[in-house]
């Protein structure tokens, strides 16, 4: 997997965290870079840890499913992406943290960080099947998510939730297209 492909996947995965960070920024009474950094660390940390865990799980089965791993990658990325697109297009415009909760405490942040990184667990399984070098991959994903989450807090604080659904739509589309690319490469080009 090229650095560009990894970047695209990292951006796609980070869109859920970005969308929730926008909501968190909306709920902050006063924007501070310290709070934005804390939000970025939670989201970036969990977004890096989940694919590492998924990779460890997927590596256990890599040899048994090598013949159809491309289909699994396609299905997992497609389902994750389709779910993000569905959420983006739903008429509900609720921010998961837009209830005025100004807290960035462990109790407030962990549930959101876990919820936004579950998709990355499945991507980690896909990485195992594709024999991706996991340490650089999860580091890259964590840094991208950290950066976009910090930006999301600022954007949410300034502009409100206007960009939440657009971010989810873009992230879902990216993941569906990456899954399709993996399948096409394997079926037609022996990748």
N, C-alpha and C. Protein backbone atom coordinates (compact mmCIF):
# COMPACT_ATOMS: atom_id res chain seq x y z
N UNK A 1 0.85 -1.17 0.00
CA UNK A 1 0.00 0.00 0.00
C UNK A 1 0.90 1.23 0.00
N UNK A 2 0.63 2.14 -0.92
CA UNK A 2 1.46 3.35 -1.04
C UNK A 2 1.14 4.34 0.07
N UNK A 3 2.03 5.30 0.26
CA UNK A 3 1.82 6.34 1.26
C UNK A 3 0.57 7.16 0.93
N UNK A 4 0.35 7.41 -0.35
CA UNK A 4 -0.84 8.16 -0.76
C UNK A 4 -2.11 7.39 -0.41
N UNK A 5 -2.13 6.08 -0.68
CA UNK A 5 -3.31 5.27 -0.35
C UNK A 5 -3.55 5.25 1.16
N UNK A 6 -2.47 5.14 1.91
CA UNK A 6 -2.59 5.16 3.36
C UNK A 6 -3.11 6.51 3.84
N UNK A 7 -2.66 7.58 3.23
CA UNK A 7 -3.14 8.92 3.57
C UNK A 7 -4.64 9.02 3.31
N UNK A 8 -5.09 8.52 2.16
CA UNK A 8 -6.51 8.57 1.82
C UNK A 8 -7.34 7.78 2.84
N UNK A 9 -6.86 6.61 3.22
CA UNK A 9 -7.57 5.80 4.21
C UNK A 9 -7.58 6.52 5.56
N UNK A 10 -6.45 7.11 5.94
CA UNK A 10 -6.36 7.83 7.21
C UNK A 10 -7.35 8.98 7.25
N UNK A 11 -7.44 9.73 6.16
CA UNK A 11 -8.39 10.84 6.11
C UNK A 11 -9.82 10.30 6.17
N UNK A 12 -10.10 9.24 5.43
CA UNK A 12 -11.44 8.65 5.46
C UNK A 12 -11.83 8.19 6.85
N UNK A 13 -10.90 7.50 7.53
CA UNK A 13 -11.19 7.03 8.89
C UNK A 13 -11.37 8.18 9.87
N UNK A 14 -10.64 9.23 9.66
CA UNK A 14 -10.67 10.33 10.64
C UNK A 14 -11.91 11.21 10.50
N UNK A 15 -12.71 11.02 9.48
CA UNK A 15 -13.86 11.89 9.27
C UNK A 15 -14.92 11.75 10.37
N UNK A 16 -15.12 10.56 10.92
CA UNK A 16 -16.04 10.41 12.06
C UNK A 16 -15.54 11.22 13.25
N UNK A 17 -14.24 11.08 13.52
CA UNK A 17 -13.65 11.83 14.64
C UNK A 17 -13.73 13.34 14.37
N UNK A 18 -13.48 13.73 13.13
CA UNK A 18 -13.58 15.14 12.76
C UNK A 18 -15.00 15.65 13.01
N UNK A 19 -16.00 14.88 12.58
CA UNK A 19 -17.39 15.29 12.74
C UNK A 19 -17.75 15.44 14.21
N UNK A 20 -17.31 14.51 15.05
CA UNK A 20 -17.60 14.61 16.48
C UNK A 20 -16.80 15.75 17.10
N UNK A 21 -15.58 15.98 16.61
CA UNK A 21 -14.78 17.11 17.11
C UNK A 21 -15.45 18.44 16.76
N UNK A 22 -16.07 18.52 15.59
CA UNK A 22 -16.83 19.72 15.22
C UNK A 22 -17.94 19.93 16.25
N UNK A 23 -18.63 18.87 16.60
CA UNK A 23 -19.70 18.96 17.60
C UNK A 23 -19.13 19.38 18.96
N UNK A 24 -17.98 18.81 19.30
CA UNK A 24 -17.35 19.16 20.57
C UNK A 24 -16.99 20.64 20.58
N UNK A 25 -16.47 21.13 19.47
CA UNK A 25 -16.15 22.55 19.36
C UNK A 25 -17.39 23.41 19.49
N UNK A 26 -18.49 22.92 18.95
CA UNK A 26 -19.76 23.64 19.05
C UNK A 26 -20.21 23.74 20.51
N UNK A 27 -19.94 22.70 21.29
CA UNK A 27 -20.39 22.67 22.68
C UNK A 27 -19.46 23.42 23.63
N UNK A 28 -18.26 23.75 23.18
CA UNK A 28 -17.33 24.47 24.06
C UNK A 28 -17.78 25.92 24.23
N UNK A 29 -17.89 26.33 25.46
CA UNK A 29 -18.27 27.71 25.72
C UNK A 29 -17.15 28.65 25.31
N UNK A 30 -15.91 28.23 25.58
CA UNK A 30 -14.75 29.03 25.18
C UNK A 30 -13.71 28.09 24.57
N UNK A 31 -13.35 28.36 23.34
CA UNK A 31 -12.37 27.54 22.63
C UNK A 31 -10.99 27.76 23.26
N UNK A 32 -10.32 26.64 23.56
CA UNK A 32 -8.92 26.73 23.99
C UNK A 32 -8.14 25.66 23.25
N UNK A 33 -6.91 25.98 22.90
CA UNK A 33 -6.08 25.01 22.17
C UNK A 33 -5.75 23.82 23.05
N UNK A 34 -5.74 24.02 24.37
CA UNK A 34 -5.49 22.90 25.28
C UNK A 34 -6.62 21.87 25.14
N UNK A 35 -7.86 22.33 25.14
CA UNK A 35 -8.99 21.40 24.99
C UNK A 35 -8.99 20.77 23.60
N UNK A 36 -8.66 21.55 22.58
CA UNK A 36 -8.59 21.00 21.22
C UNK A 36 -7.51 19.92 21.15
N UNK A 37 -6.39 20.15 21.81
CA UNK A 37 -5.30 19.17 21.83
C UNK A 37 -5.72 17.89 22.56
N UNK A 38 -6.45 18.04 23.66
CA UNK A 38 -6.93 16.87 24.41
C UNK A 38 -7.89 16.06 23.54
N UNK A 39 -8.81 16.73 22.87
CA UNK A 39 -9.75 16.04 21.96
C UNK A 39 -8.95 15.31 20.87
N UNK A 40 -7.97 15.99 20.28
CA UNK A 40 -7.14 15.38 19.25
C UNK A 40 -6.37 14.18 19.76
N UNK A 41 -5.86 14.24 20.98
CA UNK A 41 -5.11 13.11 21.55
C UNK A 41 -6.01 11.90 21.79
N UNK A 42 -7.21 12.14 22.31
CA UNK A 42 -8.13 11.02 22.50
C UNK A 42 -8.49 10.37 21.17
N UNK A 43 -8.95 11.18 20.22
CA UNK A 43 -9.38 10.63 18.94
C UNK A 43 -8.21 10.02 18.16
N UNK A 44 -7.09 10.73 18.11
CA UNK A 44 -5.92 10.21 17.40
C UNK A 44 -5.37 8.94 18.04
N UNK A 45 -5.35 8.92 19.37
CA UNK A 45 -4.85 7.74 20.08
C UNK A 45 -5.71 6.50 19.85
N UNK A 46 -7.01 6.67 19.98
CA UNK A 46 -7.90 5.53 19.75
C UNK A 46 -7.93 5.13 18.28
N UNK A 47 -7.84 6.12 17.39
CA UNK A 47 -7.85 5.82 15.95
C UNK A 47 -6.58 5.07 15.55
N UNK A 48 -5.50 5.24 16.29
CA UNK A 48 -4.26 4.49 16.03
C UNK A 48 -4.30 3.12 16.71
N UNK A 49 -4.87 3.04 17.90
CA UNK A 49 -4.88 1.79 18.66
C UNK A 49 -5.81 0.74 18.05
N UNK A 50 -6.95 1.16 17.56
CA UNK A 50 -7.93 0.20 17.03
C UNK A 50 -7.44 -0.56 15.80
N UNK A 51 -6.83 0.08 14.80
CA UNK A 51 -6.34 -0.73 13.69
C UNK A 51 -5.18 -1.65 14.10
N UNK A 52 -4.41 -1.23 15.11
CA UNK A 52 -3.35 -2.11 15.60
C UNK A 52 -3.97 -3.37 16.20
N UNK A 53 -5.03 -3.20 16.97
CA UNK A 53 -5.73 -4.34 17.54
C UNK A 53 -6.35 -5.20 16.44
N UNK A 54 -6.99 -4.56 15.48
CA UNK A 54 -7.58 -5.29 14.35
C UNK A 54 -6.52 -6.05 13.55
N UNK A 55 -5.36 -5.45 13.39
CA UNK A 55 -4.26 -6.11 12.69
C UNK A 55 -3.84 -7.38 13.43
N UNK A 56 -3.70 -7.27 14.75
CA UNK A 56 -3.31 -8.45 15.54
C UNK A 56 -4.34 -9.56 15.41
N UNK A 57 -5.61 -9.20 15.42
CA UNK A 57 -6.67 -10.19 15.26
C UNK A 57 -6.66 -10.78 13.85
N UNK A 58 -6.54 -9.92 12.84
CA UNK A 58 -6.54 -10.38 11.45
C UNK A 58 -5.34 -11.24 11.11
N UNK A 59 -4.20 -10.94 11.71
CA UNK A 59 -2.98 -11.72 11.43
C UNK A 59 -3.14 -13.18 11.85
N UNK A 60 -4.01 -13.43 12.82
CA UNK A 60 -4.25 -14.80 13.28
C UNK A 60 -4.89 -15.67 12.19
N UNK A 61 -5.61 -15.03 11.28
CA UNK A 61 -6.36 -15.77 10.25
C UNK A 61 -5.84 -15.54 8.84
N UNK A 62 -4.77 -14.78 8.73
CA UNK A 62 -4.27 -14.37 7.42
C UNK A 62 -4.00 -15.54 6.47
N UNK A 63 -3.35 -16.57 6.95
CA UNK A 63 -3.01 -17.70 6.09
C UNK A 63 -4.24 -18.49 5.63
N UNK A 64 -5.25 -18.58 6.49
CA UNK A 64 -6.44 -19.37 6.17
C UNK A 64 -7.33 -18.69 5.12
N UNK A 65 -7.25 -17.39 4.98
CA UNK A 65 -8.17 -16.71 4.08
C UNK A 65 -7.47 -15.93 2.97
N UNK A 66 -6.22 -16.24 2.71
CA UNK A 66 -5.45 -15.52 1.69
C UNK A 66 -6.15 -15.53 0.33
N UNK A 67 -6.84 -16.61 0.00
CA UNK A 67 -7.47 -16.73 -1.32
C UNK A 67 -8.62 -15.74 -1.53
N UNK A 68 -9.23 -15.28 -0.47
CA UNK A 68 -10.36 -14.36 -0.63
C UNK A 68 -10.25 -13.12 0.25
N UNK A 69 -9.03 -12.78 0.68
CA UNK A 69 -8.83 -11.62 1.54
C UNK A 69 -9.25 -10.31 0.88
N UNK A 70 -9.09 -10.23 -0.45
CA UNK A 70 -9.49 -9.02 -1.17
C UNK A 70 -10.99 -8.79 -1.08
N UNK A 71 -11.76 -9.86 -1.06
CA UNK A 71 -13.21 -9.73 -0.91
C UNK A 71 -13.56 -9.23 0.49
N UNK A 72 -12.85 -9.73 1.49
CA UNK A 72 -13.09 -9.28 2.86
C UNK A 72 -12.76 -7.80 3.00
N UNK A 73 -11.62 -7.38 2.44
CA UNK A 73 -11.23 -5.97 2.48
C UNK A 73 -12.29 -5.11 1.79
N UNK A 74 -12.74 -5.55 0.63
CA UNK A 74 -13.76 -4.83 -0.12
C UNK A 74 -15.06 -4.71 0.68
N UNK A 75 -15.50 -5.81 1.26
CA UNK A 75 -16.76 -5.83 2.02
C UNK A 75 -16.66 -4.96 3.27
N UNK A 76 -15.57 -5.12 4.03
CA UNK A 76 -15.41 -4.33 5.26
C UNK A 76 -15.35 -2.84 4.97
N UNK A 77 -14.50 -2.44 4.03
CA UNK A 77 -14.39 -1.02 3.70
C UNK A 77 -15.69 -0.49 3.10
N UNK A 78 -16.33 -1.31 2.26
CA UNK A 78 -17.61 -0.91 1.67
C UNK A 78 -18.70 -0.71 2.71
N UNK A 79 -18.80 -1.64 3.66
CA UNK A 79 -19.82 -1.51 4.70
C UNK A 79 -19.57 -0.31 5.61
N UNK A 80 -18.31 -0.13 5.99
CA UNK A 80 -17.97 1.01 6.84
C UNK A 80 -18.30 2.31 6.11
N UNK A 81 -17.85 2.40 4.86
CA UNK A 81 -18.10 3.59 4.06
C UNK A 81 -19.58 3.84 3.83
N UNK A 82 -20.32 2.78 3.50
CA UNK A 82 -21.76 2.92 3.26
C UNK A 82 -22.48 3.40 4.52
N UNK A 83 -22.07 2.88 5.67
CA UNK A 83 -22.67 3.31 6.93
C UNK A 83 -22.40 4.80 7.18
N UNK A 84 -21.17 5.25 6.90
CA UNK A 84 -20.85 6.67 7.08
C UNK A 84 -21.68 7.53 6.12
N UNK A 85 -21.84 7.07 4.89
CA UNK A 85 -22.65 7.82 3.91
C UNK A 85 -24.09 7.88 4.37
N UNK A 86 -24.62 6.75 4.86
CA UNK A 86 -26.00 6.71 5.35
C UNK A 86 -26.19 7.69 6.50
N UNK A 87 -25.26 7.71 7.44
CA UNK A 87 -25.35 8.65 8.56
C UNK A 87 -25.28 10.10 8.08
N UNK A 88 -24.44 10.35 7.09
CA UNK A 88 -24.30 11.72 6.57
C UNK A 88 -25.58 12.19 5.88
N UNK A 89 -26.27 11.27 5.22
CA UNK A 89 -27.47 11.64 4.47
C UNK A 89 -28.75 11.58 5.30
N UNK A 90 -28.65 11.07 6.54
CA UNK A 90 -29.84 11.00 7.37
C UNK A 90 -30.28 12.41 7.73
N UNK A 91 -31.54 12.59 7.94
CA UNK A 91 -32.10 13.91 8.21
C UNK A 91 -31.78 14.40 9.62
N UNK A 92 -31.34 13.49 10.49
CA UNK A 92 -31.01 13.89 11.85
C UNK A 92 -29.78 14.78 11.83
N UNK A 93 -29.85 15.88 12.53
CA UNK A 93 -28.73 16.81 12.59
C UNK A 93 -28.29 17.00 14.04
N UNK A 94 -28.17 15.86 14.72
CA UNK A 94 -27.76 15.96 16.12
C UNK A 94 -26.27 15.71 16.25
N UNK A 95 -25.64 16.53 17.03
CA UNK A 95 -24.24 16.33 17.35
C UNK A 95 -24.19 15.48 18.61
N UNK A 96 -23.36 14.44 18.55
CA UNK A 96 -23.29 13.51 19.67
C UNK A 96 -22.83 14.20 20.95
N UNK A 97 -22.14 15.32 20.82
CA UNK A 97 -21.68 15.99 22.03
C UNK A 97 -22.13 17.44 22.04
N UNK A 98 -23.07 17.79 21.23
CA UNK A 98 -23.52 19.17 21.13
C UNK A 98 -24.54 19.54 22.18
N UNK A 99 -24.52 18.88 23.32
CA UNK A 99 -25.51 19.13 24.36
C UNK A 99 -25.02 20.15 25.38
N UNK A 100 -24.01 20.93 25.00
CA UNK A 100 -23.49 21.92 25.93
C UNK A 100 -22.43 21.35 26.87
N UNK A 101 -22.07 20.09 26.71
CA UNK A 101 -21.05 19.47 27.55
C UNK A 101 -19.69 20.02 27.17
N UNK A 102 -19.14 20.82 28.04
CA UNK A 102 -17.87 21.51 27.80
C UNK A 102 -16.68 20.64 28.23
N UNK A 103 -16.95 19.49 28.81
CA UNK A 103 -15.91 18.67 29.43
C UNK A 103 -15.08 17.90 28.41
N UNK A 104 -13.80 17.81 28.68
CA UNK A 104 -12.90 16.93 27.91
C UNK A 104 -12.28 15.92 28.86
N UNK A 105 -13.04 15.55 29.89
CA UNK A 105 -12.58 14.58 30.88
C UNK A 105 -12.53 13.18 30.28
N UNK A 106 -11.87 12.28 30.97
CA UNK A 106 -11.78 10.88 30.56
C UNK A 106 -13.17 10.30 30.36
N UNK A 107 -14.05 10.55 31.32
CA UNK A 107 -15.42 10.03 31.28
C UNK A 107 -16.20 10.56 30.07
N UNK A 108 -15.95 11.80 29.69
CA UNK A 108 -16.66 12.40 28.55
C UNK A 108 -16.06 11.97 27.21
N UNK A 109 -14.74 11.81 27.17
CA UNK A 109 -14.06 11.60 25.88
C UNK A 109 -13.95 10.13 25.45
N UNK A 110 -13.74 9.21 26.39
CA UNK A 110 -13.51 7.82 26.00
C UNK A 110 -14.68 7.22 25.22
N UNK A 111 -15.93 7.40 25.65
CA UNK A 111 -17.02 6.82 24.83
C UNK A 111 -17.04 7.36 23.39
N UNK A 112 -16.77 8.66 23.24
CA UNK A 112 -16.75 9.24 21.89
C UNK A 112 -15.56 8.72 21.09
N UNK A 113 -14.41 8.59 21.74
CA UNK A 113 -13.21 8.11 21.04
C UNK A 113 -13.39 6.66 20.61
N UNK A 114 -13.99 5.84 21.46
CA UNK A 114 -14.23 4.44 21.09
C UNK A 114 -15.25 4.38 19.95
N UNK A 115 -16.33 5.14 20.06
CA UNK A 115 -17.37 5.11 19.03
C UNK A 115 -16.85 5.53 17.67
N UNK A 116 -15.96 6.53 17.64
CA UNK A 116 -15.46 7.00 16.35
C UNK A 116 -14.34 6.13 15.79
N UNK A 117 -13.81 5.21 16.59
CA UNK A 117 -12.68 4.41 16.12
C UNK A 117 -13.01 2.94 15.88
N UNK A 118 -14.24 2.53 16.12
CA UNK A 118 -14.63 1.13 15.89
C UNK A 118 -14.37 0.74 14.44
N UNK A 119 -14.67 1.64 13.51
CA UNK A 119 -14.43 1.36 12.09
C UNK A 119 -12.96 1.03 11.83
N UNK A 120 -12.08 1.69 12.55
CA UNK A 120 -10.64 1.48 12.35
C UNK A 120 -10.22 0.07 12.76
N UNK A 121 -10.96 -0.56 13.65
CA UNK A 121 -10.68 -1.95 14.03
C UNK A 121 -10.81 -2.86 12.81
N UNK A 122 -11.89 -2.68 12.06
CA UNK A 122 -12.11 -3.49 10.85
C UNK A 122 -11.06 -3.18 9.79
N UNK A 123 -10.65 -1.92 9.70
CA UNK A 123 -9.62 -1.56 8.73
C UNK A 123 -8.29 -2.23 9.12
N UNK A 124 -8.03 -2.33 10.42
CA UNK A 124 -6.83 -3.03 10.88
C UNK A 124 -6.82 -4.49 10.46
N UNK A 125 -7.99 -5.13 10.52
CA UNK A 125 -8.10 -6.52 10.03
C UNK A 125 -7.74 -6.56 8.55
N UNK A 126 -8.26 -5.60 7.80
CA UNK A 126 -7.95 -5.50 6.38
C UNK A 126 -6.46 -5.31 6.15
N UNK A 127 -5.82 -4.48 6.97
CA UNK A 127 -4.38 -4.26 6.86
C UNK A 127 -3.61 -5.56 7.03
N UNK A 128 -4.06 -6.42 7.94
CA UNK A 128 -3.38 -7.71 8.14
C UNK A 128 -3.47 -8.55 6.87
N UNK A 129 -4.62 -8.56 6.24
CA UNK A 129 -4.80 -9.35 5.02
C UNK A 129 -3.97 -8.81 3.87
N UNK A 130 -3.74 -7.50 3.87
CA UNK A 130 -2.97 -6.86 2.79
C UNK A 130 -1.49 -6.75 3.12
N UNK A 131 -1.08 -7.28 4.28
CA UNK A 131 0.31 -7.25 4.75
C UNK A 131 0.88 -5.83 4.79
N UNK A 132 0.10 -4.91 5.32
CA UNK A 132 0.53 -3.53 5.49
C UNK A 132 1.49 -3.46 6.68
N UNK A 133 2.52 -2.63 6.59
CA UNK A 133 3.42 -2.41 7.72
C UNK A 133 2.65 -1.60 8.76
N UNK A 134 2.30 -2.25 9.86
CA UNK A 134 1.30 -1.70 10.77
C UNK A 134 1.78 -0.52 11.60
N UNK A 135 3.03 -0.53 12.07
CA UNK A 135 3.48 0.56 12.93
C UNK A 135 3.46 1.91 12.21
N UNK A 136 4.06 2.00 11.01
CA UNK A 136 3.95 3.29 10.32
C UNK A 136 2.50 3.63 9.95
N UNK A 137 1.71 2.63 9.61
CA UNK A 137 0.32 2.87 9.22
C UNK A 137 -0.49 3.45 10.37
N UNK A 138 -0.42 2.82 11.54
CA UNK A 138 -1.23 3.31 12.66
C UNK A 138 -0.69 4.65 13.18
N UNK A 139 0.61 4.85 13.09
CA UNK A 139 1.18 6.14 13.49
C UNK A 139 0.64 7.25 12.58
N UNK A 140 0.63 6.97 11.30
CA UNK A 140 0.14 7.93 10.31
C UNK A 140 -1.34 8.23 10.54
N UNK A 141 -2.13 7.19 10.76
CA UNK A 141 -3.57 7.36 11.02
C UNK A 141 -3.78 8.19 12.28
N UNK A 142 -3.02 7.91 13.32
CA UNK A 142 -3.15 8.65 14.57
C UNK A 142 -2.82 10.13 14.41
N UNK A 143 -1.74 10.43 13.68
CA UNK A 143 -1.34 11.83 13.47
C UNK A 143 -2.37 12.58 12.63
N UNK A 144 -2.84 11.95 11.57
CA UNK A 144 -3.86 12.59 10.71
C UNK A 144 -5.13 12.85 11.52
N UNK A 145 -5.57 11.87 12.29
CA UNK A 145 -6.78 12.04 13.08
C UNK A 145 -6.60 13.11 14.15
N UNK A 146 -5.45 13.10 14.81
CA UNK A 146 -5.15 14.14 15.81
C UNK A 146 -5.27 15.53 15.18
N UNK A 147 -4.62 15.71 14.04
CA UNK A 147 -4.61 17.02 13.37
C UNK A 147 -6.01 17.44 12.94
N UNK A 148 -6.74 16.54 12.29
CA UNK A 148 -8.08 16.88 11.82
C UNK A 148 -9.06 17.08 12.98
N UNK A 149 -8.87 16.36 14.08
CA UNK A 149 -9.74 16.53 15.24
C UNK A 149 -9.52 17.89 15.89
N UNK A 150 -8.26 18.29 16.00
CA UNK A 150 -7.98 19.63 16.55
C UNK A 150 -8.62 20.70 15.66
N UNK A 151 -8.47 20.53 14.36
CA UNK A 151 -9.08 21.49 13.43
C UNK A 151 -10.61 21.46 13.56
N UNK A 152 -11.17 20.26 13.74
CA UNK A 152 -12.62 20.12 13.90
C UNK A 152 -13.15 20.88 15.10
N UNK A 153 -12.41 20.83 16.22
CA UNK A 153 -12.83 21.57 17.40
C UNK A 153 -12.90 23.07 17.09
N UNK A 154 -11.88 23.57 16.43
CA UNK A 154 -11.84 25.00 16.08
C UNK A 154 -12.96 25.34 15.10
N UNK A 155 -13.13 24.54 14.07
CA UNK A 155 -14.17 24.78 13.07
C UNK A 155 -15.55 24.75 13.72
N UNK A 156 -15.79 23.75 14.59
CA UNK A 156 -17.08 23.66 15.28
C UNK A 156 -17.33 24.85 16.17
N UNK A 157 -16.29 25.32 16.83
CA UNK A 157 -16.44 26.46 17.71
C UNK A 157 -16.75 27.74 16.93
N UNK A 158 -16.20 27.84 15.73
CA UNK A 158 -16.39 29.05 14.92
C UNK A 158 -17.64 28.96 14.04
N UNK A 159 -17.82 27.83 13.37
CA UNK A 159 -18.86 27.73 12.34
C UNK A 159 -20.07 26.87 12.72
N UNK A 160 -20.01 26.15 13.80
CA UNK A 160 -21.11 25.28 14.17
C UNK A 160 -21.04 23.95 13.45
N UNK A 161 -22.15 23.24 13.36
CA UNK A 161 -22.17 21.87 12.84
C UNK A 161 -22.39 21.79 11.33
N UNK A 162 -22.18 22.87 10.63
CA UNK A 162 -22.42 22.93 9.18
C UNK A 162 -21.63 21.87 8.40
N UNK A 163 -20.44 21.52 8.86
CA UNK A 163 -19.56 20.62 8.09
C UNK A 163 -19.62 19.16 8.54
N UNK A 164 -20.40 18.85 9.56
CA UNK A 164 -20.44 17.49 10.11
C UNK A 164 -20.84 16.46 9.06
N UNK A 165 -21.96 16.65 8.41
CA UNK A 165 -22.44 15.64 7.46
C UNK A 165 -21.57 15.59 6.21
N UNK A 166 -21.02 16.72 5.80
CA UNK A 166 -20.12 16.72 4.63
C UNK A 166 -18.87 15.91 4.92
N UNK A 167 -18.35 15.99 6.13
CA UNK A 167 -17.16 15.23 6.51
C UNK A 167 -17.48 13.73 6.51
N UNK A 168 -18.61 13.35 7.07
CA UNK A 168 -18.99 11.94 7.09
C UNK A 168 -19.22 11.41 5.67
N UNK A 169 -19.84 12.19 4.81
CA UNK A 169 -20.07 11.80 3.43
C UNK A 169 -18.75 11.60 2.70
N UNK A 170 -17.82 12.53 2.86
CA UNK A 170 -16.51 12.41 2.21
C UNK A 170 -15.77 11.19 2.73
N UNK A 171 -15.76 10.98 4.03
CA UNK A 171 -15.07 9.83 4.62
C UNK A 171 -15.64 8.51 4.14
N UNK A 172 -16.96 8.41 4.10
CA UNK A 172 -17.60 7.18 3.63
C UNK A 172 -17.30 6.90 2.17
N UNK A 173 -17.36 7.93 1.35
CA UNK A 173 -17.06 7.77 -0.07
C UNK A 173 -15.62 7.30 -0.28
N UNK A 174 -14.69 7.89 0.46
CA UNK A 174 -13.28 7.51 0.36
C UNK A 174 -13.10 6.02 0.69
N UNK A 175 -13.72 5.56 1.79
CA UNK A 175 -13.54 4.16 2.19
C UNK A 175 -14.16 3.19 1.18
N UNK A 176 -15.34 3.53 0.65
CA UNK A 176 -15.96 2.67 -0.37
C UNK A 176 -15.06 2.58 -1.61
N UNK A 177 -14.53 3.72 -2.04
CA UNK A 177 -13.66 3.73 -3.23
C UNK A 177 -12.36 2.96 -3.00
N UNK A 178 -11.80 3.06 -1.80
CA UNK A 178 -10.57 2.30 -1.51
C UNK A 178 -10.84 0.80 -1.51
N UNK A 179 -11.99 0.39 -0.96
CA UNK A 179 -12.36 -1.03 -1.00
C UNK A 179 -12.53 -1.52 -2.42
N UNK A 180 -13.15 -0.72 -3.25
CA UNK A 180 -13.34 -1.06 -4.66
C UNK A 180 -12.00 -1.15 -5.38
N UNK A 181 -11.10 -0.24 -5.09
CA UNK A 181 -9.77 -0.25 -5.70
C UNK A 181 -9.01 -1.53 -5.35
N UNK A 182 -9.06 -1.93 -4.08
CA UNK A 182 -8.38 -3.16 -3.64
C UNK A 182 -8.93 -4.36 -4.38
N UNK A 183 -10.25 -4.44 -4.52
CA UNK A 183 -10.88 -5.55 -5.21
C UNK A 183 -10.49 -5.57 -6.70
N UNK A 184 -10.58 -4.44 -7.36
CA UNK A 184 -10.25 -4.36 -8.78
C UNK A 184 -8.79 -4.72 -9.02
N UNK A 185 -7.89 -4.19 -8.18
CA UNK A 185 -6.47 -4.50 -8.34
C UNK A 185 -6.22 -6.01 -8.24
N UNK A 186 -6.87 -6.65 -7.26
CA UNK A 186 -6.65 -8.08 -7.05
C UNK A 186 -7.25 -8.93 -8.17
N UNK A 187 -8.46 -8.58 -8.58
CA UNK A 187 -9.15 -9.39 -9.59
C UNK A 187 -8.56 -9.22 -10.99
N UNK A 188 -8.18 -7.99 -11.34
CA UNK A 188 -7.76 -7.73 -12.71
C UNK A 188 -6.26 -7.57 -12.91
N UNK A 189 -5.54 -7.27 -11.83
CA UNK A 189 -4.12 -7.01 -11.97
C UNK A 189 -3.27 -7.91 -11.10
N UNK A 190 -3.92 -8.86 -10.40
CA UNK A 190 -3.20 -9.82 -9.58
C UNK A 190 -2.50 -9.20 -8.37
N UNK A 191 -2.99 -7.99 -7.92
CA UNK A 191 -2.36 -7.29 -6.80
C UNK A 191 -2.65 -7.92 -5.53
